[in-house]
């Protein structure tokens, strides 16, 4: 599988959103915002090397781990609804991913869930995961920092 032009737009949209969210969560930490932008740029690159779309986080994380990338676990765990320990970095990435459409457009979480339903079907694993993920993110105390942005 290869990264499509639309996927690149999604990746860039997530990176830009992650930077904004990082600035909200840690307003005085420019390096953190830069790190979160890069995390957004790297979160889906595993699509380039995966024949199965669902394995892109794992494949991307394996490559990043080999390179010594600090946030490889966040790449591995993005989109997961079973992770119990959610770092600030994973929280930001997940919020950014859940509010960026497949072509890089800004979505609300509900719009993203609806889009998943349209693309994959209402009973699909992807749609069900999106519903669970959005509820988890919105119930997290850190979510309040993103009022007015998401």
N, C-alpha and C. Protein backbone atom coordinates (compact mmCIF):
# COMPACT_ATOMS: atom_id res chain seq x y z
N UNK A 1 0.86 -1.17 0.00
CA UNK A 1 0.00 0.00 0.00
C UNK A 1 0.90 1.24 0.00
N UNK A 2 0.41 2.30 -0.57
CA UNK A 2 1.19 3.53 -0.61
C UNK A 2 0.40 4.68 0.02
N UNK A 3 1.11 5.69 0.42
CA UNK A 3 0.46 6.88 0.95
C UNK A 3 -0.09 7.67 -0.24
N UNK A 4 -1.38 7.89 -0.23
CA UNK A 4 -2.04 8.62 -1.31
C UNK A 4 -1.92 10.13 -1.09
N UNK A 5 -2.17 10.94 -2.11
CA UNK A 5 -2.18 12.39 -1.91
C UNK A 5 -3.18 12.82 -0.83
N UNK A 6 -4.34 12.17 -0.78
CA UNK A 6 -5.32 12.50 0.26
C UNK A 6 -4.77 12.17 1.65
N UNK A 7 -4.09 11.02 1.76
CA UNK A 7 -3.50 10.64 3.06
C UNK A 7 -2.47 11.68 3.49
N UNK A 8 -1.67 12.19 2.53
CA UNK A 8 -0.70 13.23 2.87
C UNK A 8 -1.40 14.47 3.43
N UNK A 9 -2.56 14.80 2.85
CA UNK A 9 -3.32 15.95 3.35
C UNK A 9 -3.81 15.68 4.76
N UNK A 10 -4.26 14.46 5.02
CA UNK A 10 -4.68 14.08 6.37
C UNK A 10 -3.50 14.19 7.34
N UNK A 11 -2.36 13.65 6.94
CA UNK A 11 -1.17 13.68 7.79
C UNK A 11 -0.78 15.11 8.14
N UNK A 12 -0.75 15.98 7.14
CA UNK A 12 -0.40 17.38 7.38
C UNK A 12 -1.44 18.06 8.27
N UNK A 13 -2.71 17.76 8.04
CA UNK A 13 -3.77 18.32 8.89
C UNK A 13 -3.62 17.89 10.34
N UNK A 14 -3.31 16.62 10.56
CA UNK A 14 -3.10 16.11 11.93
C UNK A 14 -1.90 16.79 12.56
N UNK A 15 -0.82 16.95 11.80
CA UNK A 15 0.39 17.59 12.34
C UNK A 15 0.10 19.03 12.78
N UNK A 16 -0.59 19.76 11.94
CA UNK A 16 -0.91 21.16 12.28
C UNK A 16 -1.85 21.23 13.48
N UNK A 17 -2.83 20.35 13.52
CA UNK A 17 -3.76 20.33 14.66
C UNK A 17 -3.03 19.94 15.93
N UNK A 18 -2.12 18.96 15.86
CA UNK A 18 -1.36 18.53 17.03
C UNK A 18 -0.52 19.67 17.58
N UNK A 19 0.06 20.48 16.70
CA UNK A 19 0.85 21.64 17.14
C UNK A 19 -0.03 22.62 17.91
N UNK A 20 -1.21 22.92 17.39
CA UNK A 20 -2.14 23.84 18.05
C UNK A 20 -2.55 23.29 19.42
N UNK A 21 -2.87 22.00 19.47
CA UNK A 21 -3.28 21.40 20.74
C UNK A 21 -2.14 21.40 21.76
N UNK A 22 -0.94 21.16 21.29
CA UNK A 22 0.23 21.20 22.19
C UNK A 22 0.42 22.60 22.77
N UNK A 23 0.19 23.60 21.95
CA UNK A 23 0.31 24.99 22.42
C UNK A 23 -0.75 25.31 23.46
N UNK A 24 -1.92 24.69 23.35
CA UNK A 24 -2.99 24.88 24.34
C UNK A 24 -2.68 24.14 25.65
N UNK A 25 -2.17 22.93 25.52
CA UNK A 25 -1.90 22.12 26.71
C UNK A 25 -0.68 22.62 27.46
N UNK A 26 0.36 23.04 26.72
CA UNK A 26 1.59 23.54 27.33
C UNK A 26 2.01 24.83 26.63
N UNK A 27 1.34 25.93 26.99
CA UNK A 27 1.52 27.18 26.25
C UNK A 27 2.95 27.74 26.23
N UNK A 28 3.75 27.43 27.18
CA UNK A 28 5.11 27.99 27.24
C UNK A 28 6.18 27.06 26.68
N UNK A 29 5.78 25.97 26.06
CA UNK A 29 6.74 24.95 25.64
C UNK A 29 6.77 24.82 24.12
N UNK A 30 7.56 25.65 23.46
CA UNK A 30 7.65 25.64 22.00
C UNK A 30 8.21 24.33 21.46
N UNK A 31 9.17 23.76 22.18
CA UNK A 31 9.76 22.49 21.73
C UNK A 31 8.71 21.38 21.72
N UNK A 32 7.83 21.38 22.72
CA UNK A 32 6.76 20.38 22.77
C UNK A 32 5.85 20.53 21.55
N UNK A 33 5.51 21.76 21.19
CA UNK A 33 4.67 22.00 20.01
C UNK A 33 5.37 21.49 18.74
N UNK A 34 6.65 21.72 18.64
CA UNK A 34 7.41 21.21 17.49
C UNK A 34 7.42 19.69 17.47
N UNK A 35 7.63 19.09 18.64
CA UNK A 35 7.63 17.64 18.74
C UNK A 35 6.28 17.04 18.35
N UNK A 36 5.20 17.71 18.74
CA UNK A 36 3.87 17.20 18.43
C UNK A 36 3.54 17.36 16.94
N UNK A 37 4.05 18.43 16.32
CA UNK A 37 3.89 18.57 14.87
C UNK A 37 4.57 17.40 14.17
N UNK A 38 5.80 17.09 14.57
CA UNK A 38 6.52 15.98 13.96
C UNK A 38 5.81 14.65 14.21
N UNK A 39 5.30 14.45 15.42
CA UNK A 39 4.55 13.23 15.71
C UNK A 39 3.35 13.12 14.77
N UNK A 40 2.65 14.21 14.54
CA UNK A 40 1.54 14.20 13.59
C UNK A 40 1.99 13.84 12.19
N UNK A 41 3.15 14.34 11.79
CA UNK A 41 3.68 14.03 10.45
C UNK A 41 4.05 12.55 10.32
N UNK A 42 4.42 11.93 11.42
CA UNK A 42 4.89 10.54 11.37
C UNK A 42 3.81 9.50 11.69
N UNK A 43 2.67 9.92 12.20
CA UNK A 43 1.73 8.95 12.75
C UNK A 43 1.18 7.94 11.74
N UNK A 44 1.07 8.30 10.48
CA UNK A 44 0.48 7.40 9.48
C UNK A 44 1.46 6.94 8.41
N UNK A 45 2.74 7.20 8.56
CA UNK A 45 3.65 6.85 7.48
C UNK A 45 3.78 5.33 7.30
N UNK A 46 3.35 4.56 8.29
CA UNK A 46 3.37 3.10 8.17
C UNK A 46 2.49 2.59 7.03
N UNK A 47 1.55 3.42 6.56
CA UNK A 47 0.74 3.01 5.41
C UNK A 47 1.62 2.70 4.20
N UNK A 48 2.74 3.37 4.09
CA UNK A 48 3.64 3.17 2.95
C UNK A 48 4.20 1.75 2.90
N UNK A 49 4.25 1.10 4.05
CA UNK A 49 4.91 -0.20 4.15
C UNK A 49 3.97 -1.34 4.54
N UNK A 50 2.69 -1.06 4.62
CA UNK A 50 1.73 -2.05 5.10
C UNK A 50 0.77 -2.49 4.00
N UNK A 51 0.59 -3.77 3.88
CA UNK A 51 -0.41 -4.31 2.95
C UNK A 51 -1.79 -4.32 3.61
N UNK A 52 -1.80 -4.32 4.94
CA UNK A 52 -3.04 -4.31 5.71
C UNK A 52 -3.15 -2.96 6.41
N UNK A 53 -4.16 -2.14 6.05
CA UNK A 53 -4.26 -0.80 6.64
C UNK A 53 -4.25 -0.78 8.17
N UNK A 54 -4.86 -1.78 8.79
CA UNK A 54 -4.93 -1.83 10.25
C UNK A 54 -3.59 -2.05 10.93
N UNK A 55 -2.57 -2.44 10.16
CA UNK A 55 -1.25 -2.68 10.75
C UNK A 55 -0.33 -1.47 10.62
N UNK A 56 -0.80 -0.38 10.01
CA UNK A 56 0.10 0.75 9.79
C UNK A 56 0.69 1.34 11.07
N UNK A 57 -0.04 1.40 12.21
CA UNK A 57 0.59 1.93 13.42
C UNK A 57 1.76 1.06 13.88
N UNK A 58 1.55 -0.23 13.89
CA UNK A 58 2.58 -1.18 14.33
C UNK A 58 3.82 -1.12 13.43
N UNK A 59 3.60 -1.11 12.13
CA UNK A 59 4.72 -1.09 11.19
C UNK A 59 5.49 0.22 11.28
N UNK A 60 4.76 1.34 11.32
CA UNK A 60 5.42 2.63 11.47
C UNK A 60 6.21 2.71 12.77
N UNK A 61 5.62 2.20 13.85
CA UNK A 61 6.29 2.24 15.15
C UNK A 61 7.57 1.40 15.15
N UNK A 62 7.53 0.24 14.51
CA UNK A 62 8.72 -0.61 14.44
C UNK A 62 9.87 0.13 13.76
N UNK A 63 9.57 0.81 12.68
CA UNK A 63 10.60 1.56 11.95
C UNK A 63 11.13 2.70 12.82
N UNK A 64 10.22 3.44 13.46
CA UNK A 64 10.63 4.57 14.30
C UNK A 64 11.43 4.11 15.52
N UNK A 65 11.05 2.99 16.10
CA UNK A 65 11.79 2.44 17.24
C UNK A 65 13.22 2.11 16.83
N UNK A 66 13.36 1.50 15.66
CA UNK A 66 14.69 1.16 15.14
C UNK A 66 15.55 2.42 14.97
N UNK A 67 14.91 3.53 14.66
CA UNK A 67 15.62 4.79 14.45
C UNK A 67 15.84 5.57 15.75
N UNK A 68 15.31 5.04 16.86
CA UNK A 68 15.48 5.71 18.14
C UNK A 68 14.53 6.88 18.37
N UNK A 69 13.42 6.91 17.62
CA UNK A 69 12.45 7.99 17.77
C UNK A 69 11.75 7.90 19.12
N UNK A 70 11.72 9.00 19.81
CA UNK A 70 11.21 9.08 21.18
C UNK A 70 9.75 8.66 21.32
N UNK A 71 8.91 8.99 20.34
CA UNK A 71 7.46 8.78 20.48
C UNK A 71 6.96 7.60 19.63
N UNK A 72 7.78 6.60 19.46
CA UNK A 72 7.36 5.46 18.65
C UNK A 72 6.16 4.74 19.26
N UNK A 73 6.07 4.72 20.59
CA UNK A 73 4.93 4.04 21.23
C UNK A 73 3.62 4.77 20.96
N UNK A 74 3.67 6.09 20.86
CA UNK A 74 2.47 6.86 20.55
C UNK A 74 2.00 6.53 19.13
N UNK A 75 2.95 6.36 18.22
CA UNK A 75 2.59 5.94 16.86
C UNK A 75 1.96 4.55 16.90
N UNK A 76 2.56 3.64 17.66
CA UNK A 76 2.04 2.28 17.77
C UNK A 76 0.63 2.27 18.34
N UNK A 77 0.35 3.16 19.29
CA UNK A 77 -0.92 3.13 20.02
C UNK A 77 -1.98 4.08 19.48
N UNK A 78 -1.66 4.85 18.44
CA UNK A 78 -2.70 5.77 17.96
C UNK A 78 -3.84 4.97 17.33
N UNK A 79 -5.04 5.37 17.68
CA UNK A 79 -6.22 4.65 17.21
C UNK A 79 -6.64 3.50 18.11
N UNK A 80 -5.82 3.16 19.09
CA UNK A 80 -6.16 2.06 19.99
C UNK A 80 -7.14 2.55 21.06
N UNK A 81 -8.10 1.71 21.38
CA UNK A 81 -9.04 2.05 22.45
C UNK A 81 -8.81 1.19 23.69
N UNK A 82 -7.75 0.39 23.67
CA UNK A 82 -7.48 -0.50 24.80
C UNK A 82 -6.29 -0.04 25.64
N UNK A 83 -5.58 0.97 25.20
CA UNK A 83 -4.43 1.48 25.95
C UNK A 83 -4.94 2.12 27.24
N UNK A 84 -4.34 1.75 28.36
CA UNK A 84 -4.79 2.30 29.64
C UNK A 84 -4.03 3.55 30.05
N UNK A 85 -2.75 3.61 29.74
CA UNK A 85 -1.92 4.77 30.06
C UNK A 85 -1.84 5.66 28.82
N UNK A 86 -2.48 6.82 28.87
CA UNK A 86 -2.49 7.72 27.73
C UNK A 86 -1.62 8.94 28.06
N UNK A 87 -0.45 8.97 27.46
CA UNK A 87 0.48 10.09 27.66
C UNK A 87 -0.12 11.36 27.05
N UNK A 88 0.43 12.51 27.44
CA UNK A 88 0.00 13.77 26.82
C UNK A 88 0.18 13.70 25.31
N UNK A 89 1.27 13.10 24.89
CA UNK A 89 1.57 13.01 23.46
C UNK A 89 0.53 12.16 22.72
N UNK A 90 0.17 11.02 23.28
CA UNK A 90 -0.84 10.17 22.66
C UNK A 90 -2.20 10.85 22.70
N UNK A 91 -2.49 11.54 23.78
CA UNK A 91 -3.76 12.26 23.89
C UNK A 91 -3.88 13.33 22.80
N UNK A 92 -2.83 14.10 22.62
CA UNK A 92 -2.83 15.14 21.59
C UNK A 92 -2.96 14.51 20.21
N UNK A 93 -2.17 13.49 19.93
CA UNK A 93 -2.23 12.83 18.63
C UNK A 93 -3.63 12.28 18.37
N UNK A 94 -4.21 11.65 19.36
CA UNK A 94 -5.54 11.05 19.19
C UNK A 94 -6.60 12.12 18.94
N UNK A 95 -6.54 13.21 19.68
CA UNK A 95 -7.49 14.31 19.47
C UNK A 95 -7.31 14.91 18.08
N UNK A 96 -6.07 15.11 17.67
CA UNK A 96 -5.80 15.68 16.35
C UNK A 96 -6.29 14.75 15.25
N UNK A 97 -6.04 13.46 15.40
CA UNK A 97 -6.44 12.48 14.40
C UNK A 97 -7.96 12.38 14.32
N UNK A 98 -8.62 12.44 15.46
CA UNK A 98 -10.09 12.32 15.50
C UNK A 98 -10.81 13.60 15.06
N UNK A 99 -10.07 14.67 14.81
CA UNK A 99 -10.71 15.90 14.36
C UNK A 99 -10.15 16.38 13.03
N UNK A 100 -9.52 15.46 12.31
CA UNK A 100 -9.00 15.75 10.98
C UNK A 100 -9.55 14.71 10.01
N UNK A 101 -10.19 15.20 8.97
CA UNK A 101 -10.81 14.31 8.00
C UNK A 101 -9.81 13.61 7.10
N UNK A 102 -10.30 12.73 6.25
CA UNK A 102 -9.42 11.92 5.40
C UNK A 102 -8.66 12.75 4.36
N UNK A 103 -9.10 13.97 4.11
CA UNK A 103 -8.41 14.85 3.16
C UNK A 103 -7.78 16.05 3.85
N UNK A 104 -7.62 15.98 5.16
CA UNK A 104 -6.97 17.05 5.91
C UNK A 104 -7.90 18.13 6.43
N UNK A 105 -9.19 18.01 6.15
CA UNK A 105 -10.13 19.03 6.59
C UNK A 105 -10.42 18.91 8.09
N UNK A 106 -10.77 20.03 8.70
CA UNK A 106 -11.12 20.04 10.13
C UNK A 106 -12.51 19.44 10.30
N UNK A 107 -12.61 18.52 11.23
CA UNK A 107 -13.87 17.87 11.57
C UNK A 107 -14.09 18.00 13.06
N UNK A 108 -15.35 17.97 13.47
CA UNK A 108 -15.64 17.70 14.88
C UNK A 108 -15.48 16.19 15.06
N UNK A 109 -15.44 15.74 16.29
CA UNK A 109 -15.34 14.29 16.50
C UNK A 109 -16.57 13.59 15.95
N UNK A 110 -17.74 14.21 16.09
CA UNK A 110 -18.95 13.58 15.56
C UNK A 110 -18.90 13.49 14.04
N UNK A 111 -18.40 14.52 13.39
CA UNK A 111 -18.25 14.47 11.93
C UNK A 111 -17.29 13.35 11.51
N UNK A 112 -16.23 13.19 12.27
CA UNK A 112 -15.25 12.12 11.96
C UNK A 112 -15.90 10.74 12.15
N UNK A 113 -16.68 10.58 13.20
CA UNK A 113 -17.39 9.33 13.43
C UNK A 113 -18.36 9.06 12.28
N UNK A 114 -19.11 10.09 11.89
CA UNK A 114 -20.06 9.94 10.78
C UNK A 114 -19.33 9.58 9.49
N UNK A 115 -18.17 10.20 9.27
CA UNK A 115 -17.38 9.91 8.08
C UNK A 115 -16.91 8.46 8.08
N UNK A 116 -16.50 7.97 9.24
CA UNK A 116 -16.07 6.57 9.36
C UNK A 116 -17.24 5.64 9.03
N UNK A 117 -18.43 6.00 9.48
CA UNK A 117 -19.61 5.20 9.19
C UNK A 117 -19.88 5.16 7.68
N UNK A 118 -19.76 6.32 7.03
CA UNK A 118 -19.99 6.39 5.58
C UNK A 118 -18.94 5.59 4.82
N UNK A 119 -17.69 5.69 5.23
CA UNK A 119 -16.60 5.04 4.50
C UNK A 119 -16.52 3.54 4.74
N UNK A 120 -16.74 3.13 5.98
CA UNK A 120 -16.50 1.73 6.34
C UNK A 120 -17.76 0.95 6.72
N UNK A 121 -18.84 1.67 6.96
CA UNK A 121 -20.08 1.03 7.38
C UNK A 121 -20.34 1.21 8.86
N UNK A 122 -21.61 1.30 9.18
CA UNK A 122 -22.03 1.56 10.56
C UNK A 122 -21.62 0.45 11.52
N UNK A 123 -21.53 -0.77 11.03
CA UNK A 123 -21.16 -1.90 11.89
C UNK A 123 -19.69 -2.28 11.78
N UNK A 124 -18.90 -1.44 11.14
CA UNK A 124 -17.48 -1.74 10.96
C UNK A 124 -16.71 -1.56 12.27
N UNK A 125 -15.60 -2.25 12.33
CA UNK A 125 -14.70 -2.13 13.48
C UNK A 125 -14.19 -0.69 13.60
N UNK A 126 -13.84 -0.07 12.47
CA UNK A 126 -13.31 1.30 12.47
C UNK A 126 -14.33 2.28 13.05
N UNK A 127 -15.59 2.14 12.66
CA UNK A 127 -16.64 3.04 13.16
C UNK A 127 -16.86 2.85 14.65
N UNK A 128 -16.93 1.62 15.09
CA UNK A 128 -17.13 1.33 16.51
C UNK A 128 -15.96 1.85 17.35
N UNK A 129 -14.74 1.65 16.85
CA UNK A 129 -13.55 2.16 17.55
C UNK A 129 -13.58 3.68 17.65
N UNK A 130 -14.03 4.34 16.60
CA UNK A 130 -14.09 5.81 16.60
C UNK A 130 -15.06 6.32 17.66
N UNK A 131 -16.18 5.65 17.82
CA UNK A 131 -17.16 6.05 18.85
C UNK A 131 -16.55 5.91 20.24
N UNK A 132 -15.95 4.77 20.50
CA UNK A 132 -15.34 4.51 21.81
C UNK A 132 -14.20 5.50 22.06
N UNK A 133 -13.35 5.69 21.05
CA UNK A 133 -12.21 6.61 21.18
C UNK A 133 -12.64 8.03 21.47
N UNK A 134 -13.65 8.51 20.76
CA UNK A 134 -14.13 9.88 20.98
C UNK A 134 -14.66 10.06 22.40
N UNK A 135 -15.41 9.10 22.88
CA UNK A 135 -15.95 9.18 24.25
C UNK A 135 -14.82 9.23 25.27
N UNK A 136 -13.80 8.39 25.06
CA UNK A 136 -12.65 8.39 25.97
C UNK A 136 -11.94 9.73 25.98
N UNK A 137 -11.71 10.27 24.80
CA UNK A 137 -10.99 11.56 24.70
C UNK A 137 -11.80 12.67 25.36
N UNK A 138 -13.08 12.72 25.09
CA UNK A 138 -13.92 13.80 25.62
C UNK A 138 -14.11 13.71 27.13
N UNK A 139 -13.95 12.52 27.70
CA UNK A 139 -14.11 12.37 29.15
C UNK A 139 -12.79 12.59 29.90
N UNK A 140 -11.70 12.74 29.18
CA UNK A 140 -10.39 12.96 29.80
C UNK A 140 -10.32 14.40 30.32
N UNK A 141 -9.81 14.60 31.55
CA UNK A 141 -9.71 15.97 32.10
C UNK A 141 -8.89 16.93 31.23
N UNK A 142 -7.95 16.42 30.46
CA UNK A 142 -7.13 17.29 29.61
C UNK A 142 -7.93 17.89 28.46
N UNK A 143 -9.06 17.29 28.14
CA UNK A 143 -9.85 17.76 27.01
C UNK A 143 -10.31 19.21 27.20
N UNK A 144 -10.47 19.63 28.45
CA UNK A 144 -10.94 21.00 28.73
C UNK A 144 -9.98 22.07 28.19
N UNK A 145 -8.71 21.73 28.04
CA UNK A 145 -7.74 22.68 27.51
C UNK A 145 -8.01 23.01 26.04
N UNK A 146 -8.77 22.16 25.38
CA UNK A 146 -8.97 22.31 23.95
C UNK A 146 -10.29 22.97 23.59
N UNK A 147 -11.00 23.49 24.61
CA UNK A 147 -12.26 24.20 24.34
C UNK A 147 -11.98 25.37 23.40
N UNK A 148 -12.83 25.53 22.43
CA UNK A 148 -12.65 26.60 21.46
C UNK A 148 -11.74 26.24 20.31
N UNK A 149 -11.03 25.13 20.42
CA UNK A 149 -10.14 24.69 19.35
C UNK A 149 -10.73 23.45 18.67
N UNK A 150 -11.33 22.58 19.46
CA UNK A 150 -11.93 21.36 18.90
C UNK A 150 -13.45 21.50 18.90
